[in-house]
Amino acid sequence: MLPKDLIAASSRPLILSILQEQESYGYAILQRVRELSEKQIEWTDGMLYPVLHRLETEDLIVSEWKTAESGRERKYYRITPAGRTALRGARQQWLVVHETLAKLWTPLTASI
């Protein structure tokens, strides 16, 4: 299980990336994160919805109530142009961190 601070730091770019693929609703976002992480990241409703509300307040996503095929009303979220811009910035920042760690860890992998 990942530490809470890493989960919190990664939640915004993960949500924006998922919504860049297609619009989605809360439970489906939770399932997509679980699937992508091979069950290493398991969010709760209590973690997801405050982040979605913040992203919406910042105009990075918008929401709309829709009727699903099951007939159930669901709140669907989609990324905005400002959200796409924010995602590009977040992606660059995460790539810097990833590349830096990869440089440090490559020699370790060889010696393990």
PDB file of N, CA and C in Angstrom:
ATOM      1  N   MET A   1       0.840  -1.181   0.000  1.00  0.00           N
ATOM      2  CA  MET A   1       0.000   0.000   0.000  1.00  0.00           C
ATOM      3  C   MET A   1       0.885   1.244   0.000  1.00  0.00           C
ATOM      4  N   LEU A   2       0.520   2.213  -0.785  1.00  0.00           N
ATOM      5  CA  LEU A   2       1.291   3.450  -0.880  1.00  0.00           C
ATOM      6  C   LEU A   2       0.972   4.381   0.284  1.00  0.00           C
ATOM      7  N   PRO A   3       1.954   5.194   0.697  1.00  0.00           N
ATOM      8  CA  PRO A   3       1.692   6.148   1.777  1.00  0.00           C
ATOM      9  C   PRO A   3       0.704   7.232   1.335  1.00  0.00           C
ATOM     10  N   LYS A   4      -0.016   7.766   2.311  1.00  0.00           N
ATOM     11  CA  LYS A   4      -1.058   8.754   2.034  1.00  0.00           C
ATOM     12  C   LYS A   4      -0.537   9.986   1.311  1.00  0.00           C
ATOM     13  N   ASP A   5       0.678  10.440   1.658  1.00  0.00           N
ATOM     14  CA  ASP A   5       1.183  11.646   1.017  1.00  0.00           C
ATOM     15  C   ASP A   5       1.463  11.427  -0.469  1.00  0.00           C
ATOM     16  N   LEU A   6       1.907  10.240  -0.844  1.00  0.00           N
ATOM     17  CA  LEU A   6       2.134   9.943  -2.252  1.00  0.00           C
ATOM     18  C   LEU A   6       0.811   9.800  -3.001  1.00  0.00           C
ATOM     19  N   ILE A   7      -0.152   9.188  -2.361  1.00  0.00           N
ATOM     20  CA  ILE A   7      -1.486   9.069  -2.959  1.00  0.00           C
ATOM     21  C   ILE A   7      -2.091  10.453  -3.166  1.00  0.00           C
ATOM     22  N   ALA A   8      -1.968  11.319  -2.178  1.00  0.00           N
ATOM     23  CA  ALA A   8      -2.515  12.677  -2.287  1.00  0.00           C
ATOM     24  C   ALA A   8      -1.829  13.452  -3.405  1.00  0.00           C
ATOM     25  N   ALA A   9      -0.511  13.349  -3.492  1.00  0.00           N
ATOM     26  CA  ALA A   9       0.235  14.097  -4.510  1.00  0.00           C
ATOM     27  C   ALA A   9      -0.097  13.621  -5.919  1.00  0.00           C
ATOM     28  N   SER A  10      -0.418  12.352  -6.063  1.00  0.00           N
ATOM     29  CA  SER A  10      -0.667  11.802  -7.397  1.00  0.00           C
ATOM     30  C   SER A  10      -2.134  11.856  -7.817  1.00  0.00           C
ATOM     31  N   SER A  11      -3.024  12.205  -6.912  1.00  0.00           N
ATOM     32  CA  SER A  11      -4.452  12.127  -7.212  1.00  0.00           C
ATOM     33  C   SER A  11      -4.879  13.076  -8.340  1.00  0.00           C
ATOM     34  N   ARG A  12      -4.410  14.303  -8.306  1.00  0.00           N
ATOM     35  CA  ARG A  12      -4.813  15.265  -9.349  1.00  0.00           C
ATOM     36  C   ARG A  12      -4.384  14.823 -10.749  1.00  0.00           C
ATOM     37  N   PRO A  13      -3.091  14.500 -10.952  1.00  0.00           N
ATOM     38  CA  PRO A  13      -2.721  14.084 -12.313  1.00  0.00           C
ATOM     39  C   PRO A  13      -3.375  12.767 -12.730  1.00  0.00           C
ATOM     40  N   LEU A  14      -3.610  11.873 -11.786  1.00  0.00           N
ATOM     41  CA  LEU A  14      -4.283  10.623 -12.140  1.00  0.00           C
ATOM     42  C   LEU A  14      -5.718  10.886 -12.590  1.00  0.00           C
ATOM     43  N   ILE A  15      -6.445  11.686 -11.835  1.00  0.00           N
ATOM     44  CA  ILE A  15      -7.842  11.990 -12.192  1.00  0.00           C
ATOM     45  C   ILE A  15      -7.900  12.716 -13.531  1.00  0.00           C
ATOM     46  N   LEU A  16      -7.065  13.732 -13.705  1.00  0.00           N
ATOM     47  CA  LEU A  16      -7.071  14.470 -14.971  1.00  0.00           C
ATOM     48  C   LEU A  16      -6.709  13.566 -16.143  1.00  0.00           C
ATOM     49  N   SER A  17      -5.773  12.663 -15.930  1.00  0.00           N
ATOM     50  CA  SER A  17      -5.379  11.732 -17.002  1.00  0.00           C
ATOM     51  C   SER A  17      -6.516  10.787 -17.364  1.00  0.00           C
ATOM     52  N   ILE A  18      -7.210  10.295 -16.364  1.00  0.00           N
ATOM     53  CA  ILE A  18      -8.350   9.410 -16.621  1.00  0.00           C
ATOM     54  C   ILE A  18      -9.438  10.160 -17.376  1.00  0.00           C
ATOM     55  N   LEU A  19      -9.698  11.405 -16.973  1.00  0.00           N
ATOM     56  CA  LEU A  19     -10.745  12.184 -17.643  1.00  0.00           C
ATOM     57  C   LEU A  19     -10.309  12.655 -19.022  1.00  0.00           C
ATOM     58  N   GLN A  20      -9.014  12.663 -19.277  1.00  0.00           N
ATOM     59  CA  GLN A  20      -8.551  12.980 -20.632  1.00  0.00           C
ATOM     60  C   GLN A  20      -8.897  11.829 -21.577  1.00  0.00           C
ATOM     61  N   GLU A  21      -8.893  10.602 -21.049  1.00  0.00           N
ATOM     62  CA  GLU A  21      -9.282   9.439 -21.856  1.00  0.00           C
ATOM     63  C   GLU A  21     -10.747   9.541 -22.268  1.00  0.00           C
ATOM     64  N   GLN A  22     -11.592   9.849 -21.286  1.00  0.00           N
ATOM     65  CA  GLN A  22     -13.036   9.988 -21.519  1.00  0.00           C
ATOM     66  C   GLN A  22     -13.709  10.499 -20.259  1.00  0.00           C
ATOM     67  N   GLU A  23     -14.910  11.045 -20.411  1.00  0.00           N
ATOM     68  CA  GLU A  23     -15.632  11.470 -19.215  1.00  0.00           C
ATOM     69  C   GLU A  23     -15.963  10.238 -18.383  1.00  0.00           C
ATOM     70  N   SER A  24     -16.157  10.463 -17.085  1.00  0.00           N
ATOM     71  CA  SER A  24     -16.385   9.325 -16.204  1.00  0.00           C
ATOM     72  C   SER A  24     -17.095   9.782 -14.934  1.00  0.00           C
ATOM     73  N   TYR A  25     -17.560   8.832 -14.157  1.00  0.00           N
ATOM     74  CA  TYR A  25     -18.208   9.108 -12.873  1.00  0.00           C
ATOM     75  C   TYR A  25     -17.348   8.531 -11.753  1.00  0.00           C
ATOM     76  N   GLY A  26     -17.639   8.920 -10.534  1.00  0.00           N
ATOM     77  CA  GLY A  26     -16.793   8.607  -9.393  1.00  0.00           C
ATOM     78  C   GLY A  26     -16.386   7.158  -9.243  1.00  0.00           C
ATOM     79  N   TYR A  27     -17.351   6.251  -9.217  1.00  0.00           N
ATOM     80  CA  TYR A  27     -17.026   4.836  -9.004  1.00  0.00           C
ATOM     81  C   TYR A  27     -16.137   4.308 -10.128  1.00  0.00           C
ATOM     82  N   ALA A  28     -16.414   4.718 -11.354  1.00  0.00           N
ATOM     83  CA  ALA A  28     -15.608   4.260 -12.490  1.00  0.00           C
ATOM     84  C   ALA A  28     -14.180   4.793 -12.389  1.00  0.00           C
ATOM     85  N   ILE A  29     -14.009   6.003 -11.877  1.00  0.00           N
ATOM     86  CA  ILE A  29     -12.664   6.556 -11.672  1.00  0.00           C
ATOM     87  C   ILE A  29     -11.925   5.717 -10.634  1.00  0.00           C
ATOM     88  N   LEU A  30     -12.591   5.389  -9.536  1.00  0.00           N
ATOM     89  CA  LEU A  30     -11.982   4.536  -8.507  1.00  0.00           C
ATOM     90  C   LEU A  30     -11.535   3.204  -9.099  1.00  0.00           C
ATOM     91  N   GLN A  31     -12.386   2.604  -9.907  1.00  0.00           N
ATOM     92  CA  GLN A  31     -12.072   1.313 -10.516  1.00  0.00           C
ATOM     93  C   GLN A  31     -10.927   1.422 -11.520  1.00  0.00           C
ATOM     94  N   ARG A  32     -10.889   2.511 -12.270  1.00  0.00           N
ATOM     95  CA  ARG A  32      -9.828   2.696 -13.281  1.00  0.00           C
ATOM     96  C   ARG A  32      -8.468   2.844 -12.594  1.00  0.00           C
ATOM     97  N   VAL A  33      -8.408   3.594 -11.504  1.00  0.00           N
ATOM     98  CA  VAL A  33      -7.157   3.747 -10.760  1.00  0.00           C
ATOM     99  C   VAL A  33      -6.722   2.390 -10.220  1.00  0.00           C
ATOM    100  N   ARG A  34      -7.647   1.660  -9.677  1.00  0.00           N
ATOM    101  CA  ARG A  34      -7.349   0.324  -9.137  1.00  0.00           C
ATOM    102  C   ARG A  34      -6.809  -0.586 -10.236  1.00  0.00           C
ATOM    103  N   GLU A  35      -7.455  -0.554 -11.384  1.00  0.00           N
ATOM    104  CA  GLU A  35      -7.043  -1.386 -12.523  1.00  0.00           C
ATOM    105  C   GLU A  35      -5.655  -0.976 -13.033  1.00  0.00           C
ATOM    106  N   LEU A  36      -5.450   0.310 -13.259  1.00  0.00           N
ATOM    107  CA  LEU A  36      -4.173   0.792 -13.788  1.00  0.00           C
ATOM    108  C   LEU A  36      -3.001   0.491 -12.856  1.00  0.00           C
ATOM    109  N   SER A  37      -3.261   0.557 -11.555  1.00  0.00           N
ATOM    110  CA  SER A  37      -2.197   0.341 -10.565  1.00  0.00           C
ATOM    111  C   SER A  37      -2.065  -1.130 -10.171  1.00  0.00           C
ATOM    112  N   GLU A  38      -2.838  -1.979 -10.819  1.00  0.00           N
ATOM    113  CA  GLU A  38      -2.856  -3.402 -10.472  1.00  0.00           C
ATOM    114  C   GLU A  38      -3.127  -3.600  -8.977  1.00  0.00           C
ATOM    115  N   LYS A  39      -4.104  -2.855  -8.496  1.00  0.00           N
ATOM    116  CA  LYS A  39      -4.602  -2.902  -7.111  1.00  0.00           C
ATOM    117  C   LYS A  39      -3.612  -2.356  -6.079  1.00  0.00           C
ATOM    118  N   GLN A  40      -2.584  -1.650  -6.540  1.00  0.00           N
ATOM    119  CA  GLN A  40      -1.622  -1.050  -5.616  1.00  0.00           C
ATOM    120  C   GLN A  40      -2.147   0.278  -5.054  1.00  0.00           C
ATOM    121  N   ILE A  41      -3.043   0.934  -5.797  1.00  0.00           N
ATOM    122  CA  ILE A  41      -3.655   2.187  -5.344  1.00  0.00           C
ATOM    123  C   ILE A  41      -5.149   1.934  -5.233  1.00  0.00           C
ATOM    124  N   GLU A  42      -5.672   2.030  -4.029  1.00  0.00           N
ATOM    125  CA  GLU A  42      -7.106   1.853  -3.814  1.00  0.00           C
ATOM    126  C   GLU A  42      -7.627   3.057  -3.063  1.00  0.00           C
ATOM    127  N   TRP A  43      -8.318   3.910  -3.803  1.00  0.00           N
ATOM    128  CA  TRP A  43      -8.888   5.115  -3.214  1.00  0.00           C
ATOM    129  C   TRP A  43     -10.243   4.806  -2.607  1.00  0.00           C
ATOM    130  N   THR A  44     -10.647   5.670  -1.695  1.00  0.00           N
ATOM    131  CA  THR A  44     -11.992   5.604  -1.119  1.00  0.00           C
ATOM    132  C   THR A  44     -12.794   6.784  -1.648  1.00  0.00           C
ATOM    133  N   ASP A  45     -14.105   6.701  -1.478  1.00  0.00           N
ATOM    134  CA  ASP A  45     -14.968   7.832  -1.835  1.00  0.00           C
ATOM    135  C   ASP A  45     -14.532   9.084  -1.089  1.00  0.00           C
ATOM    136  N   GLY A  46     -14.171   8.901   0.170  1.00  0.00           N
ATOM    137  CA  GLY A  46     -13.783  10.025   1.016  1.00  0.00           C
ATOM    138  C   GLY A  46     -12.523  10.724   0.550  1.00  0.00           C
ATOM    139  N   MET A  47     -11.713  10.044  -0.229  1.00  0.00           N
ATOM    140  CA  MET A  47     -10.513  10.668  -0.787  1.00  0.00           C
ATOM    141  C   MET A  47     -10.822  11.274  -2.150  1.00  0.00           C
ATOM    142  N   LEU A  48     -11.584  10.556  -2.970  1.00  0.00           N
ATOM    143  CA  LEU A  48     -11.844  10.971  -4.349  1.00  0.00           C
ATOM    144  C   LEU A  48     -12.700  12.229  -4.456  1.00  0.00           C
ATOM    145  N   TYR A  49     -13.830  12.256  -3.784  1.00  0.00           N
ATOM    146  CA  TYR A  49     -14.789  13.338  -4.025  1.00  0.00           C
ATOM    147  C   TYR A  49     -14.284  14.722  -3.609  1.00  0.00           C
ATOM    148  N   PRO A  50     -13.543  14.871  -2.524  1.00  0.00           N
ATOM    149  CA  PRO A  50     -12.975  16.194  -2.244  1.00  0.00           C
ATOM    150  C   PRO A  50     -12.015  16.675  -3.346  1.00  0.00           C
ATOM    151  N   VAL A  51     -11.259  15.752  -3.927  1.00  0.00           N
ATOM    152  CA  VAL A  51     -10.346  16.132  -5.018  1.00  0.00           C
ATOM    153  C   VAL A  51     -11.159  16.538  -6.247  1.00  0.00           C
ATOM    154  N   LEU A  52     -12.197  15.773  -6.566  1.00  0.00           N
ATOM    155  CA  LEU A  52     -13.058  16.139  -7.699  1.00  0.00           C
ATOM    156  C   LEU A  52     -13.681  17.516  -7.492  1.00  0.00           C
ATOM    157  N   HIS A  53     -14.145  17.804  -6.280  1.00  0.00           N
ATOM    158  CA  HIS A  53     -14.751  19.106  -5.995  1.00  0.00           C
ATOM    159  C   HIS A  53     -13.730  20.238  -6.144  1.00  0.00           C
ATOM    160  N   ARG A  54     -12.496  19.995  -5.662  1.00  0.00           N
ATOM    161  CA  ARG A  54     -11.444  21.010  -5.814  1.00  0.00           C
ATOM    162  C   ARG A  54     -11.116  21.260  -7.279  1.00  0.00           C
ATOM    163  N   LEU A  55     -10.995  20.187  -8.053  1.00  0.00           N
ATOM    164  CA  LEU A  55     -10.709  20.330  -9.481  1.00  0.00           C
ATOM    165  C   LEU A  55     -11.826  21.091 -10.183  1.00  0.00           C
ATOM    166  N   GLU A  56     -13.045  20.847  -9.751  1.00  0.00           N
ATOM    167  CA  GLU A  56     -14.194  21.550 -10.342  1.00  0.00           C
ATOM    168  C   GLU A  56     -14.178  23.027  -9.944  1.00  0.00           C
ATOM    169  N   THR A  57     -13.868  23.313  -8.695  1.00  0.00           N
ATOM    170  CA  THR A  57     -13.775  24.701  -8.225  1.00  0.00           C
ATOM    171  C   THR A  57     -12.699  25.468  -8.988  1.00  0.00           C
ATOM    172  N   GLU A  58     -11.618  24.772  -9.342  1.00  0.00           N
ATOM    173  CA  GLU A  58     -10.513  25.378 -10.084  1.00  0.00           C
ATOM    174  C   GLU A  58     -10.768  25.406 -11.595  1.00  0.00           C
ATOM    175  N   ASP A  59     -11.961  24.973 -12.018  1.00  0.00           N
ATOM    176  CA  ASP A  59     -12.356  24.930 -13.430  1.00  0.00           C
ATOM    177  C   ASP A  59     -11.471  24.016 -14.279  1.00  0.00           C
ATOM    178  N   LEU A  60     -10.904  22.987 -13.655  1.00  0.00           N
ATOM    179  CA  LEU A  60     -10.097  22.016 -14.392  1.00  0.00           C
ATOM    180  C   LEU A  60     -10.953  20.868 -14.904  1.00  0.00           C
ATOM    181  N   ILE A  61     -12.123  20.686 -14.258  1.00  0.00           N
ATOM    182  CA  ILE A  61     -13.109  19.712 -14.714  1.00  0.00           C
ATOM    183  C   ILE A  61     -14.499  20.329 -14.556  1.00  0.00           C
ATOM    184  N   VAL A  62     -15.451  19.765 -15.251  1.00  0.00           N
ATOM    185  CA  VAL A  62     -16.860  20.147 -15.086  1.00  0.00           C
ATOM    186  C   VAL A  62     -17.658  18.863 -14.883  1.00  0.00           C
ATOM    187  N   SER A  63     -18.829  19.007 -14.282  1.00  0.00           N
ATOM    188  CA  SER A  63     -19.664  17.830 -14.042  1.00  0.00           C
ATOM    189  C   SER A  63     -21.060  18.056 -14.595  1.00  0.00           C
ATOM    190  N   GLU A  64     -21.724  16.927 -14.824  1.00  0.00           N
ATOM    191  CA  GLU A  64     -23.082  16.967 -15.350  1.00  0.00           C
ATOM    192  C   GLU A  64     -23.786  15.679 -14.928  1.00  0.00           C
ATOM    193  N   TRP A  65     -25.007  15.828 -14.438  1.00  0.00           N
ATOM    194  CA  TRP A  65     -25.798  14.649 -14.082  1.00  0.00           C
ATOM    195  C   TRP A  65     -26.357  14.038 -15.353  1.00  0.00           C
ATOM    196  N   LYS A  66     -26.216  12.714 -15.478  1.00  0.00           N
ATOM    197  CA  LYS A  66     -26.732  11.990 -16.639  1.00  0.00           C
ATOM    198  C   LYS A  66     -27.377  10.698 -16.172  1.00  0.00           C
ATOM    199  N   THR A  67     -28.277  10.204 -16.988  1.00  0.00           N
ATOM    200  CA  THR A  67     -28.895   8.914 -16.712  1.00  0.00           C
ATOM    201  C   THR A  67     -28.069   7.835 -17.402  1.00  0.00           C
ATOM    202  N   ALA A  68     -27.594   6.883 -16.612  1.00  0.00           N
ATOM    203  CA  ALA A  68     -26.801   5.776 -17.144  1.00  0.00           C
ATOM    204  C   ALA A  68     -27.722   4.771 -17.827  1.00  0.00           C
ATOM    205  N   GLU A  69     -27.140   3.806 -18.534  1.00  0.00           N
ATOM    206  CA  GLU A  69     -27.922   2.761 -19.203  1.00  0.00           C
ATOM    207  C   GLU A  69     -28.806   2.004 -18.221  1.00  0.00           C
ATOM    208  N   SER A  70     -28.352   1.910 -16.981  1.00  0.00           N
ATOM    209  CA  SER A  70     -29.122   1.206 -15.945  1.00  0.00           C
ATOM    210  C   SER A  70     -30.337   2.011 -15.486  1.00  0.00           C
ATOM    211  N   GLY A  71     -30.412   3.282 -15.921  1.00  0.00           N
ATOM    212  CA  GLY A  71     -31.496   4.152 -15.494  1.00  0.00           C
ATOM    213  C   GLY A  71     -31.144   4.972 -14.270  1.00  0.00           C
ATOM    214  N   ARG A  72     -29.979   4.717 -13.718  1.00  0.00           N
ATOM    215  CA  ARG A  72     -29.522   5.416 -12.517  1.00  0.00           C
ATOM    216  C   ARG A  72     -28.889   6.757 -12.886  1.00  0.00           C
ATOM    217  N   GLU A  73     -29.164   7.768 -12.077  1.00  0.00           N
ATOM    218  CA  GLU A  73     -28.540   9.081 -12.266  1.00  0.00           C
ATOM    219  C   GLU A  73     -27.115   9.051 -11.731  1.00  0.00           C
ATOM    220  N   ARG A  74     -26.168   9.523 -12.539  1.00  0.00           N
ATOM    221  CA  ARG A  74     -24.768   9.583 -12.123  1.00  0.00           C
ATOM    222  C   ARG A  74     -24.207  10.933 -12.503  1.00  0.00           C
ATOM    223  N   LYS A  75     -23.289  11.399 -11.677  1.00  0.00           N
ATOM    224  CA  LYS A  75     -22.611  12.655 -11.954  1.00  0.00           C
ATOM    225  C   LYS A  75     -21.341  12.334 -12.741  1.00  0.00           C
ATOM    226  N   TYR A  76     -21.310  12.760 -13.990  1.00  0.00           N
ATOM    227  CA  TYR A  76     -20.165  12.515 -14.856  1.00  0.00           C
ATOM    228  C   TYR A  76     -19.263  13.740 -14.860  1.00  0.00           C
ATOM    229  N   TYR A  77     -17.965  13.487 -14.892  1.00  0.00           N
ATOM    230  CA  TYR A  77     -16.958  14.540 -14.899  1.00  0.00           C
ATOM    231  C   TYR A  77     -16.203  14.495 -16.215  1.00  0.00           C
ATOM    232  N   ARG A  78     -15.838  15.678 -16.709  1.00  0.00           N
ATOM    233  CA  ARG A  78     -14.989  15.741 -17.901  1.00  0.00           C
ATOM    234  C   ARG A  78     -13.973  16.860 -17.734  1.00  0.00           C
ATOM    235  N   ILE A  79     -12.858  16.697 -18.384  1.00  0.00           N
ATOM    236  CA  ILE A  79     -11.752  17.649 -18.283  1.00  0.00           C
ATOM    237  C   ILE A  79     -12.061  18.878 -19.143  1.00  0.00           C
ATOM    238  N   THR A  80     -11.627  20.032 -18.691  1.00  0.00           N
ATOM    239  CA  THR A  80     -11.797  21.283 -19.439  1.00  0.00           C
ATOM    240  C   THR A  80     -10.485  21.616 -20.164  1.00  0.00           C
ATOM    241  N   PRO A  81     -10.507  22.600 -21.050  1.00  0.00           N
ATOM    242  CA  PRO A  81      -9.246  23.034 -21.664  1.00  0.00           C
ATOM    243  C   PRO A  81      -8.206  23.450 -20.615  1.00  0.00           C
ATOM    244  N   ALA A  82      -8.644  24.138 -19.564  1.00  0.00           N
ATOM    245  CA  ALA A  82      -7.707  24.521 -18.491  1.00  0.00           C
ATOM    246  C   ALA A  82      -7.167  23.276 -17.788  1.00  0.00           C
ATOM    247  N   GLY A  83      -7.988  22.250 -17.666  1.00  0.00           N
ATOM    248  CA  GLY A  83      -7.552  20.990 -17.067  1.00  0.00           C
ATOM    249  C   GLY A  83      -6.512  20.293 -17.927  1.00  0.00           C
ATOM    250  N   ARG A  84      -6.683  20.374 -19.240  1.00  0.00           N
ATOM    251  CA  ARG A  84      -5.686  19.781 -20.149  1.00  0.00           C
ATOM    252  C   ARG A  84      -4.343  20.508 -20.025  1.00  0.00           C
ATOM    253  N   THR A  85      -4.397  21.810 -19.882  1.00  0.00           N
ATOM    254  CA  THR A  85      -3.170  22.597 -19.697  1.00  0.00           C
ATOM    255  C   THR A  85      -2.504  22.221 -18.373  1.00  0.00           C
ATOM    256  N   ALA A  86      -3.297  22.130 -17.313  1.00  0.00           N
ATOM    257  CA  ALA A  86      -2.762  21.745 -16.002  1.00  0.00           C
ATOM    258  C   ALA A  86      -2.171  20.345 -16.050  1.00  0.00           C
ATOM    259  N   LEU A  87      -2.805  19.452 -16.786  1.00  0.00           N
ATOM    260  CA  LEU A  87      -2.308  18.087 -16.908  1.00  0.00           C
ATOM    261  C   LEU A  87      -0.958  18.057 -17.627  1.00  0.00           C
ATOM    262  N   ARG A  88      -0.808  18.856 -18.670  1.00  0.00           N
ATOM    263  CA  ARG A  88       0.490  18.917 -19.367  1.00  0.00           C
ATOM    264  C   ARG A  88       1.592  19.358 -18.410  1.00  0.00           C
ATOM    265  N   GLY A  89       1.304  20.367 -17.580  1.00  0.00           N
ATOM    266  CA  GLY A  89       2.283  20.838 -16.600  1.00  0.00           C
ATOM    267  C   GLY A  89       2.602  19.773 -15.562  1.00  0.00           C
ATOM    268  N   ALA A  90       1.575  19.107 -15.063  1.00  0.00           N
ATOM    269  CA  ALA A  90       1.777  18.054 -14.064  1.00  0.00           C
ATOM    270  C   ALA A  90       2.579  16.897 -14.653  1.00  0.00           C
ATOM    271  N   ARG A  91       2.296  16.575 -15.898  1.00  0.00           N
ATOM    272  CA  ARG A  91       3.022  15.482 -16.559  1.00  0.00           C
ATOM    273  C   ARG A  91       4.509  15.809 -16.641  1.00  0.00           C
ATOM    274  N   GLN A  92       4.831  17.023 -17.011  1.00  0.00           N
ATOM    275  CA  GLN A  92       6.246  17.425 -17.090  1.00  0.00           C
ATOM    276  C   GLN A  92       6.913  17.335 -15.724  1.00  0.00           C
ATOM    277  N   GLN A  93       6.218  17.768 -14.673  1.00  0.00           N
ATOM    278  CA  GLN A  93       6.782  17.716 -13.324  1.00  0.00           C
ATOM    279  C   GLN A  93       7.018  16.273 -12.873  1.00  0.00           C
ATOM    280  N   TRP A  94       6.046  15.401 -13.110  1.00  0.00           N
ATOM    281  CA  TRP A  94       6.191  14.000 -12.709  1.00  0.00           C
ATOM    282  C   TRP A  94       7.280  13.306 -13.509  1.00  0.00           C
ATOM    283  N   LEU A  95       7.431  13.670 -14.779  1.00  0.00           N
ATOM    284  CA  LEU A  95       8.496  13.062 -15.576  1.00  0.00           C
ATOM    285  C   LEU A  95       9.874  13.453 -15.056  1.00  0.00           C
ATOM    286  N   VAL A  96      10.023  14.689 -14.596  1.00  0.00           N
ATOM    287  CA  VAL A  96      11.297  15.110 -14.008  1.00  0.00           C
ATOM    288  C   VAL A  96      11.608  14.259 -12.773  1.00  0.00           C
ATOM    289  N   VAL A  97      10.620  14.082 -11.912  1.00  0.00           N
ATOM    290  CA  VAL A  97      10.815  13.265 -10.708  1.00  0.00           C
ATOM    291  C   VAL A  97      11.134  11.822 -11.097  1.00  0.00           C
ATOM    292  N   HIS A  98      10.366  11.269 -12.020  1.00  0.00           N
ATOM    293  CA  HIS A  98      10.578   9.886 -12.454  1.00  0.00           C
ATOM    294  C   HIS A  98      11.978   9.701 -13.048  1.00  0.00           C
ATOM    295  N   GLU A  99      12.364  10.580 -13.931  1.00  0.00           N
ATOM    296  CA  GLU A  99      13.676  10.455 -14.582  1.00  0.00           C
ATOM    297  C   GLU A  99      14.813  10.610 -13.574  1.00  0.00           C
ATOM    298  N   THR A 100      14.652  11.497 -12.623  1.00  0.00           N
ATOM    299  CA  THR A 100      15.680  11.686 -11.596  1.00  0.00           C
ATOM    300  C   THR A 100      15.822  10.435 -10.735  1.00  0.00           C
ATOM    301  N   LEU A 101      14.706   9.880 -10.292  1.00  0.00           N
ATOM    302  CA  LEU A 101      14.753   8.649  -9.500  1.00  0.00           C
ATOM    303  C   LEU A 101      15.316   7.484 -10.315  1.00  0.00           C
ATOM    304  N   ALA A 102      14.957   7.410 -11.584  1.00  0.00           N
ATOM    305  CA  ALA A 102      15.465   6.327 -12.430  1.00  0.00           C
ATOM    306  C   ALA A 102      16.987   6.384 -12.529  1.00  0.00           C
ATOM    307  N   LYS A 103      17.530   7.587 -12.627  1.00  0.00           N
ATOM    308  CA  LYS A 103      18.993   7.733 -12.677  1.00  0.00           C
ATOM    309  C   LYS A 103      19.639   7.273 -11.375  1.00  0.00           C
ATOM    310  N   LEU A 104      19.000   7.551 -10.273  1.00  0.00           N
ATOM    311  CA  LEU A 104      19.540   7.148  -8.979  1.00  0.00           C
ATOM    312  C   LEU A 104      19.383   5.652  -8.735  1.00  0.00           C
ATOM    313  N   TRP A 105      18.273   5.096  -9.183  1.00  0.00           N
ATOM    314  CA  TRP A 105      17.969   3.711  -8.869  1.00  0.00           C
ATOM    315  C   TRP A 105      18.557   2.712  -9.849  1.00  0.00           C
ATOM    316  N   THR A 106      18.899   3.124 -11.056  1.00  0.00           N
ATOM    317  CA  THR A 106      19.473   2.192 -12.026  1.00  0.00           C
ATOM    318  C   THR A 106      20.732   1.524 -11.495  1.00  0.00           C
ATOM    319  N   PRO A 107      21.698   2.265 -10.915  1.00  0.00           N
ATOM    320  CA  PRO A 107      22.866   1.581 -10.357  1.00  0.00           C
ATOM    321  C   PRO A 107      22.505   0.636  -9.202  1.00  0.00           C
ATOM    322  N   LEU A 108      21.488   0.992  -8.426  1.00  0.00           N
ATOM    323  CA  LEU A 108      21.056   0.140  -7.321  1.00  0.00           C
ATOM    324  C   LEU A 108      20.502  -1.190  -7.830  1.00  0.00           C
ATOM    325  N   THR A 109      19.740  -1.132  -8.897  1.00  0.00           N
ATOM    326  CA  THR A 109      19.153  -2.338  -9.469  1.00  0.00           C
ATOM    327  C   THR A 109      20.239  -3.314  -9.907  1.00  0.00           C
ATOM    328  N   ALA A 110      21.292  -2.786 -10.495  1.00  0.00           N
ATOM    329  CA  ALA A 110      22.393  -3.627 -10.957  1.00  0.00           C
ATOM    330  C   ALA A 110      23.139  -4.295  -9.810  1.00  0.00           C
ATOM    331  N   SER A 111      23.170  -3.618  -8.651  1.00  0.00           N
ATOM    332  CA  SER A 111      23.934  -4.152  -7.531  1.00  0.00           C
ATOM    333  C   SER A 111      23.119  -5.034  -6.591  1.00  0.00           C
ATOM    334  N   ILE A 112      21.817  -5.072  -6.782  1.00  0.00           N
ATOM    335  CA  ILE A 112      20.953  -5.849  -5.870  1.00  0.00           C
ATOM    336  C   ILE A 112      21.008  -7.320  -6.189  1.00  0.00           C
TER     337      ILE A 112
END
